[in-house]
Amino acid sequence: MPLGMEGFDRIEAIYRFLSALHGRAIPPDTRLTRQQRARQRRMVRAFDGERAGATQQEIAEVLFNIGHLGRDEWQASSARHRIKTLLRDARAMVAGGYRKLLRHRRPR
């Protein structure tokens, strides 16, 4: 096991794995908050929608449960900006950024 700062994350992951393997209660994974997990799910759904050919507006309508907006309303909508940010971050995650999910944030 590497002895760098990542070693703590690995030990925690091994402990959760062994707990599951031996039928014990699995300690909570503390790498992401509930809000971060929800955002990750929205990112994956948005990315999947984009890959399936949906427009950004169609994705926003589904993810944020909003009705169809006219062109001008959509251009000024906060949902439009949220979708753009989600898709940008989802693309970065797919391009290798997902590795950051495996680590705890540490002060520099």
Protein backbone atom coordinates (compact mmCIF):
# COMPACT_ATOMS: atom_id res chain seq x y z
CA MET A 1 0.00 0.00 0.00
CA PRO A 2 1.46 3.38 -0.98
CA LEU A 3 2.24 5.53 2.04
CA GLY A 4 1.29 8.89 0.53
CA MET A 5 -1.75 10.92 1.61
CA GLU A 6 -3.93 8.83 -0.73
CA GLY A 7 -3.20 5.85 1.54
CA PHE A 8 -5.85 7.04 3.99
CA ASP A 9 -8.50 7.00 1.24
CA ARG A 10 -7.42 3.52 0.17
CA ILE A 11 -7.55 2.18 3.72
CA GLU A 12 -11.05 3.58 4.14
CA ALA A 13 -12.16 2.01 0.84
CA ILE A 14 -10.63 -1.35 1.80
CA TYR A 15 -12.41 -1.21 5.16
CA ARG A 16 -15.78 -0.59 3.43
CA PHE A 17 -15.05 -3.39 0.95
CA LEU A 18 -14.12 -5.90 3.69
CA SER A 19 -17.21 -4.93 5.68
CA ALA A 20 -19.42 -5.64 2.66
CA LEU A 21 -17.56 -8.85 1.87
CA HIS A 22 -18.06 -10.23 5.38
CA GLY A 23 -21.65 -9.08 5.85
CA ARG A 24 -20.91 -6.32 8.34
CA ALA A 25 -22.46 -2.87 8.41
CA ILE A 26 -20.78 -0.75 5.74
CA PRO A 27 -19.47 2.57 7.06
CA PRO A 28 -20.73 5.60 5.14
CA ASP A 29 -18.65 6.90 2.28
CA THR A 30 -17.74 10.44 3.28
CA ARG A 31 -16.06 11.56 0.06
CA LEU A 32 -19.17 13.33 -1.26
CA THR A 33 -21.95 15.21 0.51
CA ARG A 34 -25.60 14.45 -0.25
CA GLN A 35 -25.75 17.58 -2.43
CA GLN A 36 -22.63 16.55 -4.35
CA ARG A 37 -24.09 13.07 -4.96
CA ALA A 38 -27.31 14.61 -6.28
CA ARG A 39 -25.33 16.88 -8.60
CA GLN A 40 -23.28 13.93 -9.88
CA ARG A 41 -26.53 12.09 -10.71
CA ARG A 42 -27.84 15.15 -12.59
CA MET A 43 -24.54 15.41 -14.47
CA VAL A 44 -24.76 11.79 -15.61
CA ARG A 45 -28.39 12.16 -16.64
CA ALA A 46 -27.62 15.37 -18.55
CA PHE A 47 -24.67 13.74 -20.30
CA ASP A 48 -26.77 10.69 -21.20
CA GLY A 49 -29.50 12.96 -22.57
CA GLU A 50 -27.00 14.86 -24.68
CA ARG A 51 -25.50 11.62 -26.03
CA ALA A 52 -29.01 10.43 -26.90
CA GLY A 53 -29.54 13.55 -29.01
CA ALA A 54 -31.72 15.62 -26.67
CA THR A 55 -31.38 19.38 -26.79
CA GLN A 56 -30.19 21.29 -23.75
CA GLN A 57 -33.69 22.64 -23.31
CA GLU A 58 -35.22 19.14 -23.40
CA ILE A 59 -32.69 17.97 -20.82
CA ALA A 60 -33.50 20.93 -18.55
CA GLU A 61 -37.24 20.28 -18.85
CA VAL A 62 -36.72 16.72 -17.59
CA LEU A 63 -34.04 17.34 -14.95
CA PHE A 64 -35.59 20.43 -13.43
CA ASN A 65 -39.23 19.49 -14.04
CA ILE A 66 -40.04 22.70 -15.88
CA GLY A 67 -42.52 23.20 -18.66
CA HIS A 68 -41.57 24.06 -22.20
CA LEU A 69 -40.15 27.57 -22.45
CA GLY A 70 -40.36 29.86 -25.44
CA ARG A 71 -37.15 30.85 -27.21
CA ASP A 72 -36.74 34.17 -25.38
CA GLU A 73 -37.67 32.66 -22.01
CA TRP A 74 -35.14 29.86 -22.56
CA GLN A 75 -32.38 32.31 -23.48
CA ALA A 76 -32.88 34.19 -20.19
CA SER A 77 -33.57 31.11 -18.06
CA SER A 78 -31.40 30.14 -15.11
CA ALA A 79 -32.09 26.51 -16.11
CA ARG A 80 -30.22 27.14 -19.37
CA HIS A 81 -27.13 28.23 -17.47
CA ARG A 82 -27.43 25.34 -15.00
CA ILE A 83 -27.59 22.82 -17.87
CA LYS A 84 -24.57 24.34 -19.58
CA THR A 85 -22.59 24.06 -16.32
CA LEU A 86 -23.76 20.49 -15.67
CA LEU A 87 -22.82 19.41 -19.19
CA ARG A 88 -19.43 21.12 -19.02
CA ASP A 89 -18.64 19.39 -15.74
CA ALA A 90 -20.02 16.05 -16.98
CA ARG A 91 -17.76 16.17 -20.04
CA ALA A 92 -14.76 16.87 -17.81
CA MET A 93 -15.75 13.96 -15.57
CA VAL A 94 -16.03 11.59 -18.53
CA ALA A 95 -12.66 12.80 -19.82
CA GLY A 96 -10.94 11.52 -16.68
CA GLY A 97 -12.07 13.81 -13.91
CA TYR A 98 -14.02 10.96 -12.32
CA ARG A 99 -10.77 9.94 -10.60
CA LYS A 100 -11.22 12.90 -8.26
CA LEU A 101 -14.29 11.14 -6.85
CA LEU A 102 -12.01 8.52 -5.35
CA ARG A 103 -10.21 11.00 -3.11
CA HIS A 104 -11.17 13.11 -0.13
CA ARG A 105 -10.57 16.81 -0.43
CA ARG A 106 -7.50 17.73 1.54
CA PRO A 107 -6.20 21.16 2.48
CA ARG A 108 -3.18 22.16 0.44
